[in-house]
């Protein structure tokens, strides 16, 4: 299904609130209870108000085009799927949909130039790349990159599981593979995408890399299976590895990792302990790269994702069906006492206005 996106940017429509949230999650046909895509506005009185709901099939992860009012969703179902919507604050409208190139896609990302959309398929480990047209819509068929291999955990690592795509500052596309304990690399040249000539980077066996962020010449990788955050230099030499949570008595499955806008703090979502770990980021070239300064409750159960917007944090608690709001004080999330009831939320995008 294809429609042409309308004209005008997102900010043209956002003049009455202070922040706009796009929230995706699991729907009844994908094992959840959510409505699809939900638009939420935080008004001048600091209350959260649902503005619109748009039906979608398991939009478990969302991404925005860097320049155009286009919102992309990974449709996490067995046969896979990806969709493009108008980023309309009054309710996203489907513009185009297509194949994800694999099964159970769980993440997608747009390159900074807005030319490529990368989709990671957890089910079979396939990475798929779509070329984007001038209007931000998908063009042609996805270019798939299959993978092989496994890790030492027979339950979680019997096969590849591509999890996150990150366009690095060097122009290389990096893809975490939880199933093979690798960071796969791809180059996007004039002839199209291709595997990096040096191949993937191999990380600690059994660690299960999930989400990562590049900051200050280093890579900070959240590892789901061993519950740690690992730090690597530009040559992918491990500099440090630290527990993402210090809560005891419950296994930790790290989910999302994100840095503060000023680069002083790293935040890690911990599923099981149901906390947000707060780490001070040390200077490059010496000292401890990460020092935990706080660990706070996520405001619900199973924090799968969170978003930062100025001095605010919004946490998608998948198993308690809510998005919890926090205010950042000296970099530490403090609950505002407000949460929004949304079924099975798995991703939240926050836009300050």
Protein backbone atom coordinates (compact mmCIF):
# COMPACT_ATOMS: atom_id res chain seq x y z
CA UNK A 1 0.00 0.00 0.00
CA UNK A 2 1.48 3.37 -1.01
CA UNK A 3 0.39 6.94 -0.53
CA UNK A 4 2.30 10.14 -0.97
CA UNK A 5 3.39 11.90 2.25
CA UNK A 6 2.05 15.36 2.84
CA UNK A 7 4.11 18.51 2.89
CA UNK A 8 5.34 20.32 5.95
CA UNK A 9 7.51 19.24 8.87
CA UNK A 10 6.54 17.84 12.21
CA UNK A 11 7.02 21.10 14.07
CA UNK A 12 4.43 22.77 11.84
CA UNK A 13 1.76 20.88 13.77
CA UNK A 14 3.21 20.91 17.28
CA UNK A 15 2.54 24.28 18.80
CA UNK A 16 0.24 23.53 21.74
CA UNK A 17 2.30 21.00 23.74
CA UNK A 18 5.77 20.62 25.16
CA UNK A 19 6.68 17.13 24.01
CA UNK A 20 5.28 14.62 21.60
CA UNK A 21 5.67 10.87 22.04
CA UNK A 22 5.27 8.16 19.42
CA UNK A 23 4.82 4.79 21.15
CA UNK A 24 4.88 1.36 19.53
CA UNK A 25 4.34 -2.08 20.98
CA UNK A 26 2.94 -5.56 20.66
CA UNK A 27 -0.64 -6.03 19.50
CA UNK A 28 -3.02 -8.97 20.10
CA UNK A 29 -1.92 -10.64 16.85
CA UNK A 30 1.72 -10.48 17.99
CA UNK A 31 1.27 -11.64 21.58
CA UNK A 32 0.53 -8.31 23.23
CA UNK A 33 -2.34 -6.03 24.16
CA UNK A 34 -1.41 -2.75 22.53
CA UNK A 35 -3.43 -0.74 19.99
CA UNK A 36 -0.61 -0.29 17.47
CA UNK A 37 0.88 3.22 17.26
CA UNK A 38 -0.03 5.70 19.98
CA UNK A 39 0.60 9.47 19.88
CA UNK A 40 0.91 11.20 23.25
CA UNK A 41 1.38 14.87 24.03
CA UNK A 42 2.78 16.33 27.23
CA UNK A 43 1.04 19.63 27.71
CA UNK A 44 2.00 22.81 29.51
CA UNK A 45 0.46 21.42 32.72
CA UNK A 46 2.86 18.43 32.53
CA UNK A 47 0.08 15.88 32.03
CA UNK A 48 0.31 13.18 29.39
CA UNK A 49 -2.62 12.97 26.98
CA UNK A 50 -3.27 10.35 24.31
CA UNK A 51 -3.88 12.24 21.07
CA UNK A 52 -4.39 9.40 18.60
CA UNK A 53 -4.11 5.66 18.02
CA UNK A 54 -3.30 4.12 14.65
CA UNK A 55 -3.79 0.38 14.08
CA UNK A 56 -0.64 -1.56 13.17
CA UNK A 57 0.54 -5.16 13.50
CA UNK A 58 3.18 -5.37 16.22
CA UNK A 59 5.12 -2.10 15.62
CA UNK A 60 7.78 -3.05 18.17
CA UNK A 61 10.38 -0.47 17.13
CA UNK A 62 10.10 2.99 15.58
CA UNK A 63 12.44 5.44 13.84
CA UNK A 64 12.06 8.88 12.28
CA UNK A 65 13.50 10.16 9.03
CA UNK A 66 16.21 12.76 9.81
CA UNK A 67 14.59 15.47 7.67
CA UNK A 68 11.14 14.40 6.48
CA UNK A 69 7.91 13.86 8.46
CA UNK A 70 8.06 10.09 7.98
CA UNK A 71 7.85 7.51 10.77
CA UNK A 72 9.06 3.93 10.22
CA UNK A 73 7.94 0.84 12.14
CA UNK A 74 9.33 -2.68 12.36
CA UNK A 75 6.34 -5.06 12.38
CA UNK A 76 7.55 -7.87 14.63
CA UNK A 77 5.71 -10.93 13.37
CA UNK A 78 6.85 -14.27 11.98
CA UNK A 79 6.55 -13.27 8.32
CA UNK A 80 8.10 -9.88 9.07
CA UNK A 81 7.14 -6.47 7.80
CA UNK A 82 8.11 -2.81 7.74
CA UNK A 83 5.89 0.22 7.31
CA UNK A 84 6.24 3.95 6.71
CA UNK A 85 3.75 6.41 8.19
CA UNK A 86 3.24 10.13 8.10
CA UNK A 87 4.66 11.55 11.32
CA UNK A 88 1.43 13.39 11.98
CA UNK A 89 0.87 14.51 15.59
CA UNK A 90 -2.85 14.07 15.06
CA UNK A 91 -2.38 10.43 14.08
CA UNK A 92 0.10 8.66 11.76
CA UNK A 93 -1.28 7.61 8.37
CA UNK A 94 0.13 4.59 6.54
CA UNK A 95 2.13 5.67 3.48
CA UNK A 96 3.82 2.42 2.43
CA UNK A 97 4.54 -1.05 3.69
CA UNK A 98 6.71 -3.94 2.54
CA UNK A 99 8.73 -6.98 3.50
CA UNK A 100 11.36 -6.82 6.21
CA UNK A 101 13.56 -9.34 4.42
CA UNK A 102 13.35 -11.85 7.27
CA UNK A 103 11.33 -12.97 10.27
CA UNK A 104 10.45 -11.15 13.48
CA UNK A 105 12.10 -7.77 12.76
CA UNK A 106 12.90 -6.03 16.05
CA UNK A 107 14.79 -2.84 15.10
CA UNK A 108 15.28 -0.36 12.29
CA UNK A 109 17.37 2.76 11.71
CA UNK A 110 17.74 5.46 9.07
CA UNK A 111 21.18 6.65 8.00
CA UNK A 112 21.98 10.32 8.71
CA UNK A 113 21.59 11.25 5.03
CA UNK A 114 18.13 9.70 4.87
CA UNK A 115 19.13 7.44 1.97
CA UNK A 116 18.93 3.99 3.59
CA UNK A 117 16.66 2.18 6.03
CA UNK A 118 18.26 -0.76 7.86
CA UNK A 119 15.99 -3.46 9.32
CA UNK A 120 17.27 -6.16 11.68
CA UNK A 121 15.34 -9.43 11.76
CA UNK A 122 15.78 -11.23 15.06
CA UNK A 123 14.04 -14.43 13.95
CA UNK A 124 16.47 -15.56 11.24
CA UNK A 125 19.27 -13.03 11.79
CA UNK A 126 18.84 -11.33 8.40
CA UNK A 127 19.76 -7.68 7.91
CA UNK A 128 17.76 -5.96 5.17
CA UNK A 129 18.44 -2.57 3.61
CA UNK A 130 15.93 -0.43 1.76
CA UNK A 131 16.91 2.50 -0.39
CA UNK A 132 14.73 5.50 0.44
CA UNK A 133 13.35 7.88 -2.18
CA UNK A 134 13.20 11.66 -2.06
CA UNK A 135 9.90 11.49 -0.16
CA UNK A 136 11.30 9.04 2.39
CA UNK A 137 9.34 6.07 1.06
CA UNK A 138 10.73 2.58 0.47
CA UNK A 139 11.97 2.03 -3.08
CA UNK A 140 12.46 -1.32 -4.78
CA UNK A 141 12.96 -4.53 -2.86
CA UNK A 142 15.03 -4.88 0.31
CA UNK A 143 18.64 -5.99 -0.08
CA UNK A 144 19.07 -8.93 2.35
CA UNK A 145 22.23 -10.04 4.11
CA UNK A 146 21.94 -13.47 5.68
CA UNK A 147 24.29 -14.71 8.35
CA UNK A 148 25.44 -17.98 9.88
CA UNK A 149 26.86 -19.03 13.21
CA UNK A 150 25.88 -19.62 16.82
CA UNK A 151 27.00 -18.96 20.37
CA UNK A 152 27.55 -21.10 23.48
CA UNK A 153 24.02 -20.62 24.91
CA UNK A 154 21.92 -23.42 23.33
CA UNK A 155 18.63 -21.80 24.29
CA UNK A 156 19.32 -18.29 22.99
CA UNK A 157 22.23 -18.67 20.58
CA UNK A 158 21.47 -21.65 18.38
CA UNK A 159 21.43 -19.35 15.33
CA UNK A 160 22.03 -15.71 14.37
CA UNK A 161 19.76 -13.06 15.91
CA UNK A 162 20.39 -9.61 14.43
CA UNK A 163 19.20 -7.07 16.99
CA UNK A 164 20.18 -3.46 16.37
CA UNK A 165 21.50 -1.42 13.45
CA UNK A 166 23.66 1.64 14.12
CA UNK A 167 25.15 3.91 11.46
CA UNK A 168 28.58 4.78 12.82
CA UNK A 169 30.39 8.11 12.50
CA UNK A 170 32.79 6.43 10.05
CA UNK A 171 29.95 5.69 7.61
CA UNK A 172 29.95 1.98 8.45
CA UNK A 173 26.72 0.21 9.38
CA UNK A 174 27.14 -1.82 12.59
CA UNK A 175 24.70 -4.60 13.52
CA UNK A 176 24.69 -6.40 16.85
CA UNK A 177 24.06 -10.14 16.62
CA UNK A 178 22.89 -11.56 19.92
CA UNK A 179 23.00 -15.12 18.59
CA UNK A 180 26.61 -15.15 17.43
CA UNK A 181 28.22 -12.66 19.87
CA UNK A 182 29.29 -10.44 16.98
CA UNK A 183 29.00 -6.93 15.68
CA UNK A 184 28.52 -7.31 11.95
CA UNK A 185 29.78 -4.53 9.68
CA UNK A 186 28.61 -3.27 6.29
CA UNK A 187 29.76 -0.53 3.94
CA UNK A 188 27.37 1.61 1.90
CA UNK A 189 29.25 2.48 -1.25
CA UNK A 190 28.17 3.89 -4.59
CA UNK A 191 27.50 0.36 -5.84
CA UNK A 192 25.21 -0.36 -2.89
CA UNK A 193 25.62 -2.07 0.47
CA UNK A 194 28.17 -4.84 0.98
CA UNK A 195 29.76 -6.72 3.89
CA UNK A 196 32.78 -5.01 5.39
CA UNK A 197 35.99 -6.48 3.93
CA UNK A 198 37.32 -7.18 7.43
CA UNK A 199 34.22 -9.09 8.45
CA UNK A 200 32.40 -8.93 11.78
CA UNK A 201 33.84 -8.09 15.17
CA UNK A 202 33.76 -10.99 17.62
CA UNK A 203 32.85 -10.15 21.21
CA UNK A 204 32.91 -12.14 24.44
CA UNK A 205 31.29 -15.60 23.93
CA UNK A 206 27.89 -15.86 25.58
CA UNK A 207 27.55 -12.13 26.20
CA UNK A 208 24.68 -11.60 23.74
CA UNK A 209 25.21 -8.02 22.44
CA UNK A 210 21.85 -6.27 22.05
CA UNK A 211 21.94 -2.44 21.88
CA UNK A 212 24.93 -0.12 21.69
CA UNK A 213 25.90 3.52 21.33
CA UNK A 214 29.00 5.33 20.03
CA UNK A 215 30.24 8.08 22.31
CA UNK A 216 33.53 9.95 22.51
CA UNK A 217 35.50 7.58 20.29
CA UNK A 218 34.26 4.46 22.10
CA UNK A 219 31.49 1.90 21.73
CA UNK A 220 29.28 1.11 24.73
CA UNK A 221 27.52 -2.23 24.23
CA UNK A 222 24.67 -3.53 26.35
CA UNK A 223 24.90 -7.32 26.56
CA UNK A 224 21.59 -9.04 27.23
CA UNK A 225 22.78 -12.51 28.14
CA UNK A 226 25.48 -11.72 30.69
CA UNK A 227 23.84 -8.53 32.02
CA UNK A 228 26.83 -6.26 31.42
CA UNK A 229 27.86 -3.12 29.59
CA UNK A 230 31.11 -3.54 27.65
CA UNK A 231 33.27 -0.67 26.42
CA UNK A 232 35.37 -0.90 23.25
CA UNK A 233 37.74 1.45 21.50
CA UNK A 234 37.57 2.25 17.78
CA UNK A 235 39.56 -0.89 17.01
CA UNK A 236 37.07 -2.95 18.99
CA UNK A 237 39.49 -3.78 21.78
CA UNK A 238 37.62 -4.29 25.04
CA UNK A 239 38.46 -1.58 27.57
CA UNK A 240 36.07 -2.49 30.37
CA UNK A 241 33.04 -4.58 31.27
CA UNK A 242 30.75 -3.77 34.18
CA UNK A 243 27.48 -5.15 35.56
CA UNK A 244 24.52 -3.15 34.27
CA UNK A 245 22.66 -3.73 37.56
CA UNK A 246 23.79 -4.30 41.11
CA UNK A 247 20.45 -5.69 42.25
CA UNK A 248 20.89 -9.28 43.39
CA UNK A 249 18.64 -12.31 43.34
CA UNK A 250 17.18 -11.90 39.85
CA UNK A 251 18.77 -12.43 36.42
CA UNK A 252 19.22 -9.30 34.33
CA UNK A 253 18.44 -9.10 30.61
CA UNK A 254 19.80 -5.76 29.46
CA UNK A 255 17.62 -4.07 26.84
CA UNK A 256 18.25 -0.47 25.73
CA UNK A 257 21.39 1.68 26.08
CA UNK A 258 21.48 5.43 25.44
CA UNK A 259 23.72 8.38 26.29
CA UNK A 260 22.65 11.76 27.61
CA UNK A 261 22.75 14.67 25.20
CA UNK A 262 25.87 16.11 26.83
CA UNK A 263 27.63 12.73 26.82
CA UNK A 264 28.20 12.75 30.57
CA UNK A 265 25.91 9.86 31.43
CA UNK A 266 25.01 6.46 30.02
CA UNK A 267 21.62 4.93 30.80
CA UNK A 268 20.89 1.20 30.70
CA UNK A 269 17.50 -0.50 30.99
CA UNK A 270 17.56 -3.69 33.08
CA UNK A 271 14.80 -6.27 32.65
CA UNK A 272 14.39 -8.55 35.64
CA UNK A 273 15.67 -6.07 38.20
CA UNK A 274 13.32 -3.59 36.42
CA UNK A 275 15.66 -0.66 36.85
CA UNK A 276 17.48 2.04 34.95
CA UNK A 277 21.21 2.02 35.59
CA UNK A 278 22.91 5.43 35.51
CA UNK A 279 26.63 5.58 34.74
CA UNK A 280 29.06 8.48 34.63
CA UNK A 281 31.13 8.35 31.43
CA UNK A 282 34.84 8.81 32.05
CA UNK A 283 37.19 10.65 29.71
CA UNK A 284 38.64 8.78 26.77
CA UNK A 285 42.23 7.67 27.17
CA UNK A 286 42.35 7.03 30.90
CA UNK A 287 40.51 6.07 34.06
CA UNK A 288 37.31 4.09 34.33
CA UNK A 289 35.13 4.48 31.23
CA UNK A 290 31.98 3.84 33.31
CA UNK A 291 31.16 4.43 36.96
CA UNK A 292 27.70 3.65 38.27
CA UNK A 293 26.23 6.64 40.08
CA UNK A 294 22.63 5.46 40.56
CA UNK A 295 20.13 2.69 39.86
CA UNK A 296 16.46 3.59 40.01
CA UNK A 297 13.25 1.64 39.55
CA UNK A 298 11.84 1.77 36.02
CA UNK A 299 8.33 2.57 37.27
CA UNK A 300 6.96 -0.77 36.05
CA UNK A 301 7.86 -4.24 34.85
CA UNK A 302 10.26 -5.26 32.08
CA UNK A 303 11.64 -1.93 30.80
CA UNK A 304 12.21 -2.73 27.15
CA UNK A 305 13.07 0.75 25.90
CA UNK A 306 13.29 4.38 26.98
CA UNK A 307 13.62 7.78 25.38
CA UNK A 308 15.29 11.02 26.44
CA UNK A 309 13.85 14.46 25.68
CA UNK A 310 15.67 17.36 27.27
CA UNK A 311 15.40 16.84 31.02
CA UNK A 312 12.79 14.09 30.67
CA UNK A 313 12.95 10.32 30.37
CA UNK A 314 10.09 8.05 29.30
CA UNK A 315 10.35 4.31 29.99
CA UNK A 316 8.31 1.70 28.10
CA UNK A 317 7.52 -1.02 30.67
CA UNK A 318 6.33 -3.87 28.49
CA UNK A 319 4.91 -6.26 31.09
CA UNK A 320 3.12 -3.72 33.28
CA UNK A 321 1.49 -2.02 30.26
CA UNK A 322 2.66 1.50 31.00
CA UNK A 323 5.04 4.28 30.00
CA UNK A 324 6.53 5.93 33.09
CA UNK A 325 7.72 9.55 33.16
CA UNK A 326 10.87 10.77 34.89
CA UNK A 327 12.64 14.10 35.24
CA UNK A 328 16.46 14.15 35.16
CA UNK A 329 18.12 15.83 38.12
CA UNK A 330 21.89 16.03 37.81
CA UNK A 331 21.57 13.22 35.28
CA UNK A 332 19.60 10.88 37.57
CA UNK A 333 16.00 9.93 36.62
CA UNK A 334 13.50 10.90 39.33
CA UNK A 335 9.90 9.65 39.03
CA UNK A 336 7.32 12.33 38.35
CA UNK A 337 4.60 10.03 39.64
CA UNK A 338 2.90 9.99 36.27
CA UNK A 339 2.56 7.01 33.99
CA UNK A 340 0.43 6.33 30.97
CA UNK A 341 -1.48 3.06 30.56
CA UNK A 342 -0.60 1.55 27.15
CA UNK A 343 -0.72 -2.14 26.32
CA UNK A 344 2.63 -3.92 25.82
CA UNK A 345 4.77 -0.85 24.97
CA UNK A 346 8.16 -1.73 23.49
CA UNK A 347 9.48 1.54 22.01
CA UNK A 348 8.98 5.23 22.67
CA UNK A 349 10.23 8.20 20.61
CA UNK A 350 10.15 11.57 22.37
CA UNK A 351 10.34 14.87 20.52
CA UNK A 352 10.85 18.08 22.54
CA UNK A 353 8.95 21.07 21.15
